[in-house]
C-alpha atoms as a PDB file:
ATOM      1  CA  MET A   1      22.462   1.046 -13.142  1.00  0.00           C
ATOM      2  CA  LYS A   2      18.714   1.297 -11.740  1.00  0.00           C
ATOM      3  CA  ASN A   3      17.541   1.937 -15.350  1.00  0.00           C
ATOM      4  CA  ILE A   4      19.292  -0.956 -16.760  1.00  0.00           C
ATOM      5  CA  PHE A   5      18.044  -3.287 -13.987  1.00  0.00           C
ATOM      6  CA  SER A   6      14.321  -1.883 -14.435  1.00  0.00           C
ATOM      7  CA  PHE A   7      14.708  -2.435 -18.196  1.00  0.00           C
ATOM      8  CA  PHE A   8      15.469  -6.020 -17.607  1.00  0.00           C
ATOM      9  CA  LEU A   9      13.080  -6.718 -14.881  1.00  0.00           C
ATOM     10  CA  ILE A  10      10.039  -5.272 -16.986  1.00  0.00           C
ATOM     11  CA  ALA A  11      11.475  -7.184 -20.095  1.00  0.00           C
ATOM     12  CA  PHE A  12      11.521 -10.316 -18.047  1.00  0.00           C
ATOM     13  CA  ILE A  13       8.004 -10.036 -16.689  1.00  0.00           C
ATOM     14  CA  LEU A  14       6.593  -9.075 -20.141  1.00  0.00           C
ATOM     15  CA  PHE A  15       8.327 -11.566 -22.222  1.00  0.00           C
ATOM     16  CA  GLY A  16       9.287 -14.449 -19.987  1.00  0.00           C
ATOM     17  CA  CYS A  17       6.299 -16.372 -20.520  1.00  0.00           C
ATOM     18  CA  GLU A  18       3.685 -16.726 -23.379  1.00  0.00           C
ATOM     19  CA  PHE A  19       0.385 -14.969 -22.523  1.00  0.00           C
ATOM     20  CA  GLN A  20      -2.262 -17.699 -23.643  1.00  0.00           C
ATOM     21  CA  GLN A  21      -3.102 -20.034 -20.700  1.00  0.00           C
ATOM     22  CA  LYS A  22      -3.520 -23.613 -21.733  1.00  0.00           C
ATOM     23  CA  GLU A  23      -4.987 -26.388 -19.658  1.00  0.00           C
ATOM     24  CA  ASN A  24      -2.401 -28.867 -18.651  1.00  0.00           C
ATOM     25  CA  PRO A  25      -3.671 -32.204 -19.939  1.00  0.00           C
ATOM     26  CA  ILE A  26      -1.496 -34.266 -17.503  1.00  0.00           C
ATOM     27  CA  LYS A  27      -2.630 -34.147 -13.926  1.00  0.00           C
ATOM     28  CA  ASP A  28      -1.379 -36.505 -11.271  1.00  0.00           C
ATOM     29  CA  SER A  29      -1.791 -36.901  -7.388  1.00  0.00           C
ATOM     30  CA  SER A  30       1.895 -35.750  -6.949  1.00  0.00           C
ATOM     31  CA  SER A  31       1.075 -32.386  -8.614  1.00  0.00           C
ATOM     32  CA  LEU A  32       1.912 -29.247  -6.698  1.00  0.00           C
ATOM     33  CA  ASN A  33      -0.258 -26.218  -6.167  1.00  0.00           C
ATOM     34  CA  ALA A  34       0.543 -22.634  -5.455  1.00  0.00           C
ATOM     35  CA  ILE A  35      -2.018 -20.059  -3.951  1.00  0.00           C
ATOM     36  CA  ILE A  36      -1.021 -16.679  -5.265  1.00  0.00           C
ATOM     37  CA  GLU A  37      -1.070 -13.834  -2.518  1.00  0.00           C
ATOM     38  CA  ILE A  38       0.597 -11.092  -4.652  1.00  0.00           C
ATOM     39  CA  PRO A  39       0.268 -10.593  -8.294  1.00  0.00           C
ATOM     40  CA  ALA A  40       3.304  -9.816 -10.304  1.00  0.00           C
ATOM     41  CA  GLY A  41       3.838  -5.995 -10.642  1.00  0.00           C
ATOM     42  CA  THR A  42       2.227  -5.271  -7.271  1.00  0.00           C
ATOM     43  CA  ASN A  43       3.880  -3.429  -4.286  1.00  0.00           C
ATOM     44  CA  ILE A  44       1.456  -3.917  -1.594  1.00  0.00           C
ATOM     45  CA  LYS A  45       2.520  -7.092   0.688  1.00  0.00           C
ATOM     46  CA  TYR A  46      -0.521  -9.137   1.085  1.00  0.00           C
ATOM     47  CA  GLU A  47      -1.023 -12.487   3.285  1.00  0.00           C
ATOM     48  CA  TYR A  48      -3.522 -14.988   3.323  1.00  0.00           C
ATOM     49  CA  ASN A  49      -5.410 -15.073   6.704  1.00  0.00           C
ATOM     50  CA  TYR A  50      -6.230 -18.581   7.786  1.00  0.00           C
ATOM     51  CA  ASP A  51      -8.694 -17.337  10.420  1.00  0.00           C
ATOM     52  CA  SER A  52     -10.744 -15.043   7.937  1.00  0.00           C
ATOM     53  CA  GLN A  53     -10.034 -17.421   4.963  1.00  0.00           C
ATOM     54  CA  GLY A  54      -9.043 -14.268   2.923  1.00  0.00           C
ATOM     55  CA  PHE A  55      -6.259 -11.836   1.860  1.00  0.00           C
ATOM     56  CA  GLN A  56      -5.344  -9.081   3.998  1.00  0.00           C
ATOM     57  CA  ALA A  57      -2.532  -6.460   3.301  1.00  0.00           C
ATOM     58  CA  GLU A  58       0.216  -6.817   5.909  1.00  0.00           C
ATOM     59  CA  ILE A  59      -0.078  -4.026   8.580  1.00  0.00           C
ATOM     60  CA  ILE A  60       3.076  -2.499   9.964  1.00  0.00           C
ATOM     61  CA  ASN A  61       2.662   0.492  12.295  1.00  0.00           C
ATOM     62  CA  ASP A  62      -0.994   0.912  11.420  1.00  0.00           C
ATOM     63  CA  GLN A  63      -0.033   1.215   7.756  1.00  0.00           C
ATOM     64  CA  LYS A  64      -0.219  -1.243   4.714  1.00  0.00           C
ATOM     65  CA  ARG A  65       3.154  -2.468   4.074  1.00  0.00           C
ATOM     66  CA  ILE A  66       4.237  -1.226   0.812  1.00  0.00           C
ATOM     67  CA  ILE A  67       7.389  -2.539  -0.944  1.00  0.00           C
ATOM     68  CA  ASN A  68       9.636   0.681  -1.482  1.00  0.00           C
ATOM     69  CA  TYR A  69      11.746  -0.878  -4.030  1.00  0.00           C
ATOM     70  CA  LEU A  70      10.592  -2.423  -7.132  1.00  0.00           C
ATOM     71  CA  PRO A  71       7.211  -4.275  -7.462  1.00  0.00           C
ATOM     72  CA  TYR A  72       7.122  -7.986  -7.178  1.00  0.00           C
ATOM     73  CA  PRO A  73       9.065  -9.551 -10.198  1.00  0.00           C
ATOM     74  CA  GLY A  74       6.749 -12.538 -10.359  1.00  0.00           C
ATOM     75  CA  ASN A  75       3.521 -13.922  -8.542  1.00  0.00           C
ATOM     76  CA  TYR A  76       4.320 -14.468  -4.953  1.00  0.00           C
ATOM     77  CA  GLY A  77       2.459 -16.760  -2.776  1.00  0.00           C
ATOM     78  CA  PHE A  78       2.796 -20.141  -0.921  1.00  0.00           C
ATOM     79  CA  ILE A  79       2.759 -23.903  -1.647  1.00  0.00           C
ATOM     80  CA  GLU A  80      -0.407 -25.486  -0.816  1.00  0.00           C
ATOM     81  CA  ASN A  81      -0.143 -28.033   2.321  1.00  0.00           C
ATOM     82  CA  THR A  82       3.328 -26.912   3.404  1.00  0.00           C
ATOM     83  CA  PHE A  83       4.318 -25.264   6.765  1.00  0.00           C
ATOM     84  CA  MET A  84       7.849 -24.345   7.723  1.00  0.00           C
ATOM     85  CA  ASP A  85       7.880 -25.398  11.336  1.00  0.00           C
ATOM     86  CA  PRO A  86       9.864 -23.092  13.803  1.00  0.00           C
ATOM     87  CA  SER A  87      11.215 -25.812  15.694  1.00  0.00           C
ATOM     88  CA  LEU A  88      12.827 -27.181  12.636  1.00  0.00           C
ATOM     89  CA  GLY A  89      14.278 -23.877  11.806  1.00  0.00           C
ATOM     90  CA  GLY A  90      11.341 -22.544   9.604  1.00  0.00           C
ATOM     91  CA  ASP A  91       9.698 -19.175   9.801  1.00  0.00           C
ATOM     92  CA  GLY A  92       6.291 -20.420  10.816  1.00  0.00           C
ATOM     93  CA  ASP A  93       4.525 -19.949   7.405  1.00  0.00           C
ATOM     94  CA  ALA A  94       3.719 -22.008   4.352  1.00  0.00           C
ATOM     95  CA  LEU A  95       6.797 -22.516   1.989  1.00  0.00           C
ATOM     96  CA  ASP A  96       7.112 -19.311  -0.156  1.00  0.00           C
ATOM     97  CA  VAL A  97       6.802 -19.647  -3.849  1.00  0.00           C
ATOM     98  CA  LEU A  98       7.652 -17.279  -6.629  1.00  0.00           C
ATOM     99  CA  VAL A  99       5.817 -18.173  -9.961  1.00  0.00           C
ATOM    100  CA  VAL A 100       7.486 -16.652 -12.979  1.00  0.00           C
ATOM    101  CA  CYS A 101       4.780 -15.902 -15.620  1.00  0.00           C
ATOM    102  CA  GLU A 102       2.318 -13.196 -16.658  1.00  0.00           C
ATOM    103  CA  ALA A 103       0.518 -11.476 -13.698  1.00  0.00           C
ATOM    104  CA  LEU A 104      -2.092 -13.900 -12.108  1.00  0.00           C
ATOM    105  CA  LEU A 105      -4.994 -12.913  -9.856  1.00  0.00           C
ATOM    106  CA  GLN A 106      -4.823 -12.839  -6.028  1.00  0.00           C
ATOM    107  CA  GLY A 107      -6.427 -16.119  -4.826  1.00  0.00           C
ATOM    108  CA  LYS A 108      -5.576 -18.051  -7.878  1.00  0.00           C
ATOM    109  CA  LYS A 109      -4.587 -21.602  -7.235  1.00  0.00           C
ATOM    110  CA  ILE A 110      -2.402 -22.906 -10.021  1.00  0.00           C
ATOM    111  CA  ASN A 111      -0.416 -26.146 -10.806  1.00  0.00           C
ATOM    112  CA  ILE A 112       3.075 -25.462 -10.664  1.00  0.00           C
ATOM    113  CA  GLU A 113       6.415 -26.962 -11.876  1.00  0.00           C
ATOM    114  CA  PRO A 114       9.392 -26.053  -9.355  1.00  0.00           C
ATOM    115  CA  ILE A 115      12.429 -25.077 -11.263  1.00  0.00           C
ATOM    116  CA  GLY A 116      14.830 -24.101  -8.628  1.00  0.00           C
ATOM    117  CA  ILE A 117      15.255 -22.612  -5.061  1.00  0.00           C
ATOM    118  CA  LEU A 118      16.482 -19.242  -3.830  1.00  0.00           C
ATOM    119  CA  LYS A 119      18.098 -19.816  -0.309  1.00  0.00           C
ATOM    120  CA  LEU A 120      17.728 -17.007   1.947  1.00  0.00           C
ATOM    121  CA  MET A 121      17.996 -16.000   5.748  1.00  0.00           C
ATOM    122  CA  ASP A 122      15.653 -13.454   7.327  1.00  0.00           C
ATOM    123  CA  ASP A 123      16.439 -12.522  10.821  1.00  0.00           C
ATOM    124  CA  GLY A 124      18.363 -15.724  11.355  1.00  0.00           C
ATOM    125  CA  LYS A 125      15.483 -17.992   9.951  1.00  0.00           C
ATOM    126  CA  GLU A 126      15.466 -19.929   6.793  1.00  0.00           C
ATOM    127  CA  ASP A 127      13.256 -17.982   4.378  1.00  0.00           C
ATOM    128  CA  HIS A 128      13.857 -19.900   1.047  1.00  0.00           C
ATOM    129  CA  LYS A 129      11.766 -19.181  -1.944  1.00  0.00           C
ATOM    130  CA  ILE A 130      10.848 -21.852  -4.479  1.00  0.00           C
ATOM    131  CA  ILE A 131      10.974 -20.562  -8.025  1.00  0.00           C
ATOM    132  CA  ALA A 132       8.397 -22.171 -10.288  1.00  0.00           C
ATOM    133  CA  ILE A 133       6.587 -21.763 -13.551  1.00  0.00           C
ATOM    134  CA  PRO A 134       2.947 -22.950 -14.254  1.00  0.00           C
ATOM    135  CA  THR A 135       2.543 -26.426 -15.515  1.00  0.00           C
ATOM    136  CA  TYR A 136       0.957 -25.013 -18.735  1.00  0.00           C
ATOM    137  CA  HIS A 137       4.355 -23.455 -19.351  1.00  0.00           C
ATOM    138  CA  LYS A 138       6.378 -26.650 -19.826  1.00  0.00           C
ATOM    139  CA  GLU A 139       7.754 -25.440 -22.939  1.00  0.00           C
ATOM    140  CA  SER A 140       9.354 -22.412 -21.080  1.00  0.00           C
ATOM    141  CA  PHE A 141      12.856 -21.722 -21.886  1.00  0.00           C
ATOM    142  CA  MET A 142      13.410 -22.068 -17.804  1.00  0.00           C
ATOM    143  CA  LEU A 143      12.327 -25.610 -17.490  1.00  0.00           C
ATOM    144  CA  ASP A 144      15.634 -27.178 -16.993  1.00  0.00           C
ATOM    145  CA  SER A 145      17.435 -24.396 -14.948  1.00  0.00           C
ATOM    146  CA  ILE A 146      17.001 -20.746 -14.049  1.00  0.00           C
ATOM    147  CA  PRO A 147      19.102 -18.481 -16.523  1.00  0.00           C
ATOM    148  CA  ILE A 148      21.843 -16.595 -15.001  1.00  0.00           C
ATOM    149  CA  SER A 149      20.148 -13.254 -15.881  1.00  0.00           C
ATOM    150  CA  VAL A 150      17.042 -14.221 -14.239  1.00  0.00           C
ATOM    151  CA  LYS A 151      19.101 -15.419 -10.994  1.00  0.00           C
ATOM    152  CA  PHE A 152      20.716 -11.948 -11.116  1.00  0.00           C
ATOM    153  CA  ILE A 153      17.335 -10.200 -11.114  1.00  0.00           C
ATOM    154  CA  LEU A 154      15.628 -12.196  -8.497  1.00  0.00           C
ATOM    155  CA  LYS A 155      18.567 -12.419  -6.114  1.00  0.00           C
ATOM    156  CA  THR A 156      18.984  -8.501  -6.509  1.00  0.00           C
ATOM    157  CA  TRP A 157      15.168  -7.966  -5.779  1.00  0.00           C
ATOM    158  CA  PHE A 158      14.907 -10.335  -2.739  1.00  0.00           C
ATOM    159  CA  SER A 159      18.213  -8.845  -1.301  1.00  0.00           C
ATOM    160  CA  ASN A 160      16.752  -5.360  -1.484  1.00  0.00           C
ATOM    161  CA  TYR A 161      13.009  -5.463  -1.282  1.00  0.00           C
ATOM    162  CA  LYS A 162      12.945  -5.247   2.685  1.00  0.00           C
ATOM    163  CA  GLY A 163      15.741  -2.749   2.889  1.00  0.00           C
ATOM    164  CA  VAL A 164      19.408  -3.387   2.221  1.00  0.00           C
ATOM    165  CA  GLY A 165      20.979  -6.058   4.462  1.00  0.00           C
ATOM    166  CA  LYS A 166      17.637  -7.460   5.828  1.00  0.00           C
ATOM    167  CA  MET A 167      17.833 -10.633   3.854  1.00  0.00           C
ATOM    168  CA  GLN A 168      20.787 -12.667   3.596  1.00  0.00           C
ATOM    169  CA  PHE A 169      21.539 -14.509   0.447  1.00  0.00           C
ATOM    170  CA  ILE A 170      22.729 -18.348   0.769  1.00  0.00           C
ATOM    171  CA  SER A 171      22.859 -19.879  -2.443  1.00  0.00           C
ATOM    172  CA  TRP A 172      20.822 -21.083  -5.384  1.00  0.00           C
ATOM    173  CA  GLY A 173      19.628 -24.651  -5.766  1.00  0.00           C
ATOM    174  CA  ASP A 174      18.348 -26.707  -8.759  1.00  0.00           C
ATOM    175  CA  LYS A 175      15.044 -28.333  -9.334  1.00  0.00           C
ATOM    176  CA  LYS A 176      16.000 -31.345  -7.399  1.00  0.00           C
ATOM    177  CA  GLU A 177      16.913 -29.303  -4.374  1.00  0.00           C
ATOM    178  CA  ALA A 178      13.510 -27.360  -4.676  1.00  0.00           C
ATOM    179  CA  LEU A 179      11.536 -30.723  -4.750  1.00  0.00           C
ATOM    180  CA  ASN A 180      13.517 -31.812  -1.572  1.00  0.00           C
ATOM    181  CA  GLU A 181      12.555 -28.508   0.131  1.00  0.00           C
ATOM    182  CA  ILE A 182       9.054 -28.957  -0.681  1.00  0.00           C
ATOM    183  CA  LYS A 183       8.946 -32.587   0.711  1.00  0.00           C
ATOM    184  CA  LYS A 184      10.848 -31.301   3.991  1.00  0.00           C
ATOM    185  CA  TRP A 185       7.873 -28.946   4.688  1.00  0.00           C
ATOM    186  CA  GLN A 186       4.904 -30.800   3.276  1.00  0.00           C
ATOM    187  CA  LEU A 187       2.145 -31.551   5.894  1.00  0.00           C
END
């Protein structure tokens, strides 16, 4: 089972998006940007530090936090100008996003198109993940919805990357729900 899952994960990462980046000719004031903290295929958990304005490995018990599962299945980061207010049920961080495409460099600011939302709970707090593609991948097979096979991979990964039972899956949401979630936490 692990071998089958690993095969599908690797195939998804390698073939899920075209590799040539193109500039998006359509830009408007309502565009959304993601900041990449953790490139696809990485297993060290990095976070943006607002004080130092740089990226730092998360430290737990004086050690870098290493994901002891599989590496990140996409480019993980946050949506610019969002904050999940704890008084409203958020986790106190910017809204998480997983940008599904080829590996991007840490610190890359990229214009994204949300395609869905993975709704999770982490220690009793909402910890939803926006699933997005770069706007230069508008021709992607995932533009209208996330394929069931991709949902399976992402749900499995997020349900296990912190250890079994640490993250609780709530549900999947479509593009409209993802956009509503972003609006809910925008500054």
